[in-house]
Protein backbone atom coordinates (compact mmCIF):
# COMPACT_ATOMS: atom_id res chain seq x y z
CA MET A 1 -0.19 0.00 -0.08
CA THR A 2 1.49 3.39 -1.23
CA PRO A 3 1.83 6.48 1.48
CA GLN A 4 -0.77 8.00 -0.29
CA GLU A 5 -3.36 5.24 0.19
CA ARG A 6 -2.63 5.39 3.43
CA LYS A 7 -3.24 9.12 3.71
CA THR A 8 -6.63 8.70 1.78
CA TRP A 9 -8.41 5.77 3.51
CA ILE A 10 -7.19 6.73 7.18
CA GLY A 11 -8.57 10.14 6.71
CA MET A 12 -11.84 8.39 5.44
CA MET A 13 -12.32 6.20 8.30
CA GLY A 14 -16.13 7.20 9.76
CA ALA A 15 -16.37 9.92 7.14
CA ARG A 16 -17.84 8.37 3.69
CA GLY A 17 -21.45 9.58 4.55
CA ALA A 18 -22.15 10.40 0.94
CA TRP A 19 -21.06 6.99 -0.22
CA TRP A 20 -22.36 4.88 2.56
CA ASP A 21 -25.61 6.76 1.56
CA LEU A 22 -25.67 4.95 -1.91
CA ARG A 23 -26.42 1.71 -0.40
CA ARG A 24 -29.69 2.18 1.74
CA GLU A 25 -31.16 -0.69 3.53
CA ALA A 26 -34.35 -1.51 5.81
CA ILE A 27 -33.04 -2.29 9.45
CA LEU A 28 -33.65 -5.98 9.71
CA GLU A 29 -35.27 -7.18 12.80
CA PRO A 30 -35.12 -3.79 14.65
CA ASP A 31 -36.02 -5.19 18.27
CA TRP A 32 -33.08 -7.53 18.37
CA GLU A 33 -30.86 -5.95 20.93
CA CYS A 34 -27.26 -5.83 19.82
CA VAL A 35 -24.09 -5.06 21.89
CA ASP A 36 -21.26 -3.70 19.93
CA THR A 37 -18.19 -4.98 21.27
CA HIS A 38 -15.41 -3.03 19.75
CA PHE A 39 -15.37 0.85 18.72
CA HIS A 40 -12.71 3.33 18.52
CA LEU A 41 -12.55 6.87 19.08
CA TRP A 42 -10.30 9.66 18.16
CA LYS A 43 -9.55 13.50 17.46
CA GLU A 44 -8.17 14.32 13.98
CA GLN A 45 -4.35 14.18 14.42
CA LEU A 46 -1.12 14.14 12.52
CA PHE A 47 1.53 11.07 13.09
CA PRO A 48 4.00 9.52 10.73
CA ASP A 49 3.79 7.57 8.03
CA PRO A 50 5.11 3.98 8.92
CA GLN A 51 7.24 3.75 5.95
CA GLU A 52 7.80 7.12 4.83
CA GLY A 53 8.77 9.25 7.90
CA THR A 54 8.79 12.78 6.37
CA LEU A 55 4.99 12.23 5.02
CA SER A 56 2.27 12.97 7.68
CA LEU A 57 -0.93 10.93 7.72
CA ARG A 58 -4.16 12.76 9.13
CA THR A 59 -6.96 10.93 10.99
CA SER A 60 -10.54 11.51 10.14
CA ARG A 61 -12.33 13.18 13.24
CA TYR A 62 -14.51 10.03 15.09
CA LEU A 63 -15.93 10.99 18.50
CA LEU A 64 -19.03 10.33 20.30
CA ASP A 65 -21.27 12.18 17.85
CA GLU A 66 -19.87 10.69 14.96
CA PHE A 67 -20.18 6.99 16.68
CA LEU A 68 -23.74 7.90 17.90
CA GLU A 69 -25.02 8.84 14.43
CA ASP A 70 -23.90 5.77 13.10
CA ALA A 71 -25.15 3.05 16.14
CA CYS A 72 -28.62 5.15 16.71
CA ALA A 73 -29.33 4.68 12.93
CA GLY A 74 -31.82 2.17 13.50
CA HIS A 75 -30.42 -0.91 15.29
CA LYS A 76 -31.14 -1.51 18.96
CA VAL A 77 -27.45 -1.18 20.07
CA THR A 78 -27.85 -0.89 23.52
CA GLN A 79 -24.11 -1.23 25.00
CA ALA A 80 -20.80 -0.93 23.34
CA VAL A 81 -16.99 -1.61 24.19
CA TYR A 82 -14.70 1.20 23.88
CA VAL A 83 -11.25 -0.78 22.74
CA GLU A 84 -7.63 1.35 23.11
CA CYS A 85 -6.81 3.03 19.79
CA GLY A 86 -3.66 5.41 21.30
CA SER A 87 -6.44 8.46 21.78
CA GLU A 88 -5.76 10.98 24.80
CA TYR A 89 -2.98 9.52 26.44
CA ARG A 90 -1.69 12.10 28.91
CA THR A 91 0.99 14.18 27.86
CA GLY A 92 3.33 14.32 31.10
CA GLY A 93 3.94 11.98 34.30
CA PRO A 94 5.48 8.58 34.42
CA PRO A 95 5.78 7.42 30.74
CA ASN A 96 4.11 4.25 31.72
CA LEU A 97 0.91 5.63 32.96
CA ARG A 98 0.16 8.16 30.26
CA VAL A 99 -1.88 5.39 28.42
CA VAL A 100 -4.12 6.00 31.39
CA GLY A 101 -5.58 9.29 29.85
CA GLU A 102 -7.45 7.03 27.25
CA THR A 103 -9.26 5.38 30.28
CA GLU A 104 -10.01 8.78 31.47
CA PHE A 105 -11.18 9.74 28.12
CA ALA A 106 -13.58 6.81 27.97
CA ALA A 107 -14.85 7.19 31.06
CA ARG A 108 -16.24 10.53 30.63
CA LEU A 109 -17.90 9.38 27.67
CA ALA A 110 -19.58 6.91 29.71
CA ARG A 111 -20.96 9.48 32.01
CA GLN A 112 -21.91 11.64 29.42
CA GLN A 113 -23.69 8.84 27.90
CA ALA A 114 -25.62 7.75 30.92
CA GLY A 115 -29.48 7.34 30.53
CA SER A 116 -29.17 6.83 26.74
CA PHE A 117 -28.31 4.32 24.07
CA PRO A 118 -25.80 3.13 23.51
CA GLN A 119 -23.95 2.76 26.65
CA VAL A 120 -19.94 2.67 27.09
CA GLY A 121 -20.29 -1.09 28.98
CA ALA A 122 -16.75 -1.54 29.46
CA ILE A 123 -13.42 -0.05 28.63
CA VAL A 124 -10.34 -2.13 27.32
CA ALA A 125 -7.48 -0.19 27.96
CA HIS A 126 -3.64 -0.19 26.93
CA ALA A 127 -0.50 -1.72 28.88
CA ASP A 128 2.62 -3.02 28.42
CA LEU A 129 2.35 -6.48 29.65
CA ARG A 130 6.07 -6.75 30.04
CA ASP A 131 6.22 -3.73 32.25
CA PRO A 132 7.85 -4.59 35.83
CA ASP A 133 5.44 -2.20 37.38
CA LEU A 134 2.37 -3.39 35.41
CA GLY A 135 0.28 -3.70 38.37
CA THR A 136 0.60 0.28 39.36
CA VAL A 137 -0.49 0.86 35.71
CA LEU A 138 -3.44 -1.59 36.05
CA ASP A 139 -4.36 0.07 39.62
CA ALA A 140 -4.31 3.49 37.59
CA HIS A 141 -6.73 2.33 34.91
CA ARG A 142 -8.97 0.89 37.71
CA GLU A 143 -9.10 4.29 39.28
CA ALA A 144 -9.72 5.80 36.12
CA GLY A 145 -12.42 3.60 34.53
CA GLY A 146 -13.74 1.99 37.69
CA SER A 147 -15.90 -0.84 37.22
CA LEU A 148 -15.96 0.03 33.13
CA PHE A 149 -12.23 -1.12 33.13
CA ARG A 150 -12.44 -4.60 32.09
CA GLY A 151 -9.46 -5.41 30.40
CA VAL A 152 -6.33 -4.71 28.11
CA ARG A 153 -5.05 -4.74 24.92
CA GLN A 154 -1.42 -4.94 23.47
CA SER A 155 -1.16 -5.87 19.78
CA GLY A 156 0.93 -8.76 18.66
CA ALA A 157 0.18 -8.36 15.04
CA ARG A 158 4.20 -8.53 13.49
CA LEU A 159 4.90 -7.91 9.70
CA ALA A 160 8.42 -6.97 8.33
CA ASP A 161 6.88 -4.27 6.77
CA PRO A 162 3.87 -2.93 8.74
CA ALA A 163 3.00 -0.09 5.76
CA ALA A 164 1.65 -3.60 3.80
CA ARG A 165 -1.50 -3.47 6.02
CA LEU A 166 -1.96 0.21 6.38
CA ILE A 167 -0.62 0.73 9.77
CA ALA A 168 -1.11 -2.43 11.73
CA GLY A 169 1.54 -5.08 12.42
CA ALA A 170 4.16 -3.08 13.81
CA ALA A 171 4.30 -5.27 17.17
CA PRO A 172 8.02 -6.25 18.47
CA PRO A 173 8.98 -9.58 17.30
CA GLY A 174 8.14 -12.70 19.51
CA LEU A 175 6.31 -10.51 21.80
CA TYR A 176 3.63 -14.01 22.85
CA ALA A 177 6.81 -15.61 23.95
CA ASP A 178 8.40 -13.03 25.68
CA PRO A 179 8.53 -14.26 29.83
CA ALA A 180 7.91 -11.02 30.86
CA PHE A 181 4.81 -10.75 28.78
CA ARG A 182 3.36 -13.77 29.81
CA ARG A 183 3.69 -13.15 33.28
CA GLY A 184 1.90 -9.79 32.63
CA LEU A 185 -1.06 -11.89 31.03
CA ALA A 186 -1.47 -14.13 33.80
CA LEU A 187 -1.70 -11.11 36.25
CA LEU A 188 -4.32 -9.93 34.18
CA GLY A 189 -6.33 -13.13 35.01
CA GLU A 190 -5.63 -13.11 38.78
CA ARG A 191 -7.19 -9.44 38.68
CA GLY A 192 -10.32 -10.49 36.91
CA LEU A 193 -9.27 -8.79 33.94
CA ILE A 194 -9.36 -9.80 30.04
CA PHE A 195 -6.91 -9.66 27.13
CA ASP A 196 -8.02 -8.67 24.11
CA SER A 197 -5.77 -9.99 21.66
CA PHE A 198 -5.01 -8.70 17.91
CA GLN A 199 -2.70 -10.40 15.38
CA PHE A 200 -2.77 -11.65 12.09
CA HIS A 201 -4.06 -15.29 11.40
CA PHE A 202 -0.76 -16.55 10.57
CA GLN A 203 -0.03 -16.05 14.16
CA LEU A 204 -2.67 -17.63 15.90
CA ASP A 205 -0.80 -20.93 16.75
CA ASP A 206 1.46 -18.71 18.72
CA LEU A 207 -1.62 -17.07 20.19
CA GLU A 208 -2.72 -20.90 21.18
CA VAL A 209 0.57 -21.44 23.06
CA LEU A 210 -0.01 -18.22 24.63
CA ALA A 211 -3.28 -19.22 25.91
CA ARG A 212 -2.15 -22.37 27.31
CA SER A 213 0.54 -20.58 29.25
CA ALA A 214 -2.45 -18.47 31.38
CA PRO A 215 -5.08 -20.88 31.71
CA GLY A 216 -6.58 -18.26 34.15
CA THR A 217 -6.93 -15.36 31.74
CA VAL A 218 -9.85 -15.06 29.34
CA ILE A 219 -8.32 -14.32 25.91
CA VAL A 220 -11.08 -12.66 23.58
CA VAL A 221 -9.33 -12.63 19.69
CA ASP A 222 -10.09 -9.80 17.97
CA HIS A 223 -11.27 -9.59 14.52
CA LEU A 224 -11.90 -13.29 13.90
CA GLY A 225 -7.93 -13.56 14.19
CA ALA A 226 -7.47 -11.09 11.31
CA PRO A 227 -7.23 -13.44 8.30
CA VAL A 228 -5.71 -11.40 5.44
CA ASP A 229 -5.10 -11.94 1.54
CA TYR A 230 -8.82 -11.32 0.80
CA THR A 231 -9.55 -12.40 -3.13
CA PRO A 232 -12.92 -11.84 -4.60
CA ALA A 233 -14.16 -15.38 -3.88
CA ARG A 234 -16.35 -17.08 -1.52
CA ALA A 235 -14.64 -17.19 1.77
CA GLU A 236 -13.84 -20.63 1.68
CA ASP A 237 -11.94 -20.35 -1.44
CA GLN A 238 -9.71 -17.46 -0.23
CA PRO A 239 -6.22 -18.12 0.11
CA ALA A 240 -5.95 -17.36 3.96
CA PHE A 241 -8.71 -19.45 5.02
CA LEU A 242 -7.75 -23.36 5.19
CA SER A 243 -4.76 -21.90 7.46
CA TRP A 244 -7.03 -19.84 9.46
CA ALA A 245 -9.64 -22.42 10.08
CA LYS A 246 -7.31 -25.02 11.33
CA SER A 247 -6.00 -22.42 13.70
CA VAL A 248 -9.30 -21.69 14.85
CA GLU A 249 -10.48 -25.25 15.64
CA SER A 250 -7.13 -25.90 17.72
CA LEU A 251 -7.74 -22.21 19.64
CA ALA A 252 -11.59 -23.22 20.19
CA ARG A 253 -10.30 -26.19 22.23
CA LEU A 254 -9.13 -23.68 24.83
CA PRO A 255 -11.88 -22.80 27.04
CA ASN A 256 -10.13 -19.40 28.25
CA VAL A 257 -10.57 -18.28 24.58
CA VAL A 258 -13.47 -16.36 23.23
CA MET A 259 -13.87 -15.37 19.41
CA LYS A 260 -15.37 -11.75 18.64
CA LEU A 261 -16.71 -11.80 15.24
CA GLY A 262 -16.09 -8.94 12.93
CA GLY A 263 -12.97 -6.90 11.51
CA MET A 264 -13.61 -8.44 8.09
CA ALA A 265 -14.61 -5.38 6.22
CA SER A 266 -11.36 -3.63 7.24
CA ILE A 267 -8.43 -2.62 4.56
CA VAL A 268 -6.22 -4.38 7.13
CA THR A 269 -7.29 -7.94 5.60
CA GLY A 270 -7.39 -6.87 1.83
CA TYR A 271 -10.85 -6.58 1.58
CA ASP A 272 -11.90 -4.46 -1.38
CA GLY A 273 -15.27 -3.15 -0.50
CA HIS A 274 -13.83 0.59 -0.31
CA ARG A 275 -12.83 0.67 -3.74
CA ARG A 276 -16.24 -0.49 -5.00
CA GLU A 277 -18.36 2.45 -6.84
CA THR A 278 -21.28 1.47 -4.15
CA PRO A 279 -20.81 -0.14 -0.64
CA PRO A 280 -21.67 -3.74 -0.44
CA SER A 281 -25.24 -5.07 0.50
CA SER A 282 -25.60 -7.08 3.58
CA GLU A 283 -26.33 -9.86 1.60
CA GLU A 284 -23.30 -9.34 -0.43
CA PHE A 285 -21.08 -8.92 2.65
CA VAL A 286 -22.49 -12.36 4.02
CA GLU A 287 -21.78 -13.96 0.60
CA GLU A 288 -18.11 -13.00 0.34
CA ARG A 289 -17.30 -13.23 4.26
CA GLY A 290 -19.56 -15.34 5.61
CA GLY A 291 -17.71 -18.44 5.85
CA TYR A 292 -15.26 -16.99 8.04
CA PHE A 293 -18.23 -16.27 10.78
CA ARG A 294 -19.94 -19.12 10.45
CA HIS A 295 -16.75 -21.36 10.91
CA ALA A 296 -15.62 -19.73 13.72
CA ILE A 297 -19.20 -20.11 15.41
CA SER A 298 -19.39 -23.50 14.60
CA CYS A 299 -15.90 -24.19 16.35
CA PHE A 300 -16.44 -21.76 19.43
CA GLY A 301 -20.34 -22.16 19.94
CA PRO A 302 -22.60 -18.95 20.16
CA GLU A 303 -21.67 -18.79 24.15
CA ARG A 304 -17.91 -18.01 23.25
CA CYS A 305 -18.80 -15.85 20.27
CA MET A 306 -19.92 -12.07 19.90
CA PHE A 307 -20.15 -9.37 16.89
CA GLU A 308 -18.05 -6.23 16.57
CA SER A 309 -18.37 -3.24 14.26
CA ASN A 310 -14.60 -2.04 14.63
CA PHE A 311 -15.87 1.51 13.84
CA PRO A 312 -14.48 3.48 12.39
CA VAL A 313 -11.78 1.18 10.66
CA ASP A 314 -14.36 -0.74 9.06
CA SER A 315 -16.40 1.83 8.07
CA THR A 316 -14.36 2.80 5.13
CA SER A 317 -15.79 -0.47 2.96
CA ILE A 318 -19.34 -0.84 4.56
CA GLY A 319 -21.80 1.35 6.56
CA TYR A 320 -23.04 0.72 10.07
CA VAL A 321 -26.83 -0.23 9.41
CA VAL A 322 -25.90 -2.56 6.81
CA LEU A 323 -22.90 -4.47 8.62
CA TRP A 324 -25.33 -4.74 11.43
CA ASN A 325 -27.87 -6.27 8.98
CA ALA A 326 -25.15 -8.55 7.53
CA TYR A 327 -24.72 -9.64 11.51
CA LYS A 328 -28.39 -10.50 12.09
CA ARG A 329 -28.41 -12.50 8.78
CA ILE A 330 -25.73 -14.75 10.28
CA ALA A 331 -27.36 -14.56 13.71
CA ALA A 332 -30.80 -15.40 12.30
CA GLU A 333 -29.36 -18.90 11.13
CA HIS A 334 -29.59 -20.03 14.79
CA PRO A 335 -32.22 -20.56 17.74
CA ALA A 336 -33.50 -17.92 19.45
CA ASP A 337 -31.07 -18.34 22.41
CA ALA A 338 -28.04 -18.95 20.44
CA ARG A 339 -29.17 -15.55 18.54
CA GLN A 340 -29.21 -13.65 21.40
CA ALA A 341 -25.70 -15.00 22.57
CA LEU A 342 -24.25 -14.01 19.77
CA LEU A 343 -25.78 -10.49 19.82
CA CYS A 344 -25.68 -9.43 23.12
CA ASP A 345 -25.65 -12.42 25.65
CA THR A 346 -21.88 -13.35 25.25
CA ALA A 347 -20.15 -9.77 25.09
CA ARG A 348 -22.67 -9.16 28.70
CA ARG A 349 -21.19 -12.18 30.55
CA VAL A 350 -17.54 -12.00 29.07
CA TYR A 351 -17.28 -8.36 29.55
CA GLY A 352 -18.92 -8.29 32.97
CA MET A 353 -21.21 -5.58 31.67
CA ASP A 354 -23.85 -3.97 33.65
CA VAL A 355 -27.65 -5.69 32.41
CA GLY A 356 -29.58 -3.56 34.48
CA ALA A 357 -28.05 -0.03 33.52
CA ALA A 358 -28.76 -0.86 29.69
CA ALA A 359 -32.33 -2.23 30.59
CA ALA A 360 -32.60 0.77 32.60
CA SER A 361 -31.87 3.30 29.95
CA PRO A 362 -34.83 5.58 29.13
CA GLU A 363 -34.32 6.51 25.67
CA ARG A 364 -32.30 6.06 22.34
CA ARG A 365 -30.71 9.04 20.98
CA PRO A 366 -32.66 9.97 17.90
């Protein structure tokens, strides 16, 4: 991917309203309750291109108003999980505590949303699990986020050239095998916290070894394990599918691993929806990507699977309404109790969300 392409698409995340409008769909099953288990917020800002250091990339503005405009467009999204993305770090103080600024930011949003849908039901923050003072960092996140602080994400996604996958893939080599990292992962479980993992599909076997090293820590696999190398074919015929499927089958045997269903519209995977004249429909998306979702659900079961929007990252290729219509099409293939697990119950159980607070919310923002 060229620097100019990165510049274009990073700036378009969450900002393609006119293009999304070319694909309008009625809301499927508007009364089905949904929990969005993965969204990000960020201010417009500059950061250096990972390949051309002299070039600056500018993000879009995607804050609470933008997210609410998407999430409140018709689907009954009652709660959402804020996942770290490097926003609003502290600018001073101990370097290892600067990440706590993002938890403070997300907690303010949660207070701002109190009493209306969707609520911020959980916060997944960032910390370096290798930090010898990790306990202090986790304490600070807990103080900042209260009961909403439910876990940590530290990317393990690694490529020799991170720029090949937009900007993903810059994790240190061998991170999951690092003894200090594994000690930190075990500490999360001891504290009742979750680890959200992000790595590419060809690293899933490393993730399995990691998960076995910390059986007391719940690991949530983001973005279906991030299978890459999309080609215009049904999922089962795509280059990554076979190796990904085998790794997922093996991972699913570990009871401490949970699968997050989403991320499949992301440019990082190679999906080409963003380049089309009109956005894909929900039916087209399910036809093209549904095999990944179905295989993961068959391996893990609905009680260990939950949907995510990954907005605004996936928004370059599909609109929020259409994406959740696609998810509902997949969920509708299951009995009512399994469908509800996929759409909301698994997320609430795994992230320890307050079900009563969501049920008590008096209104949905128009």
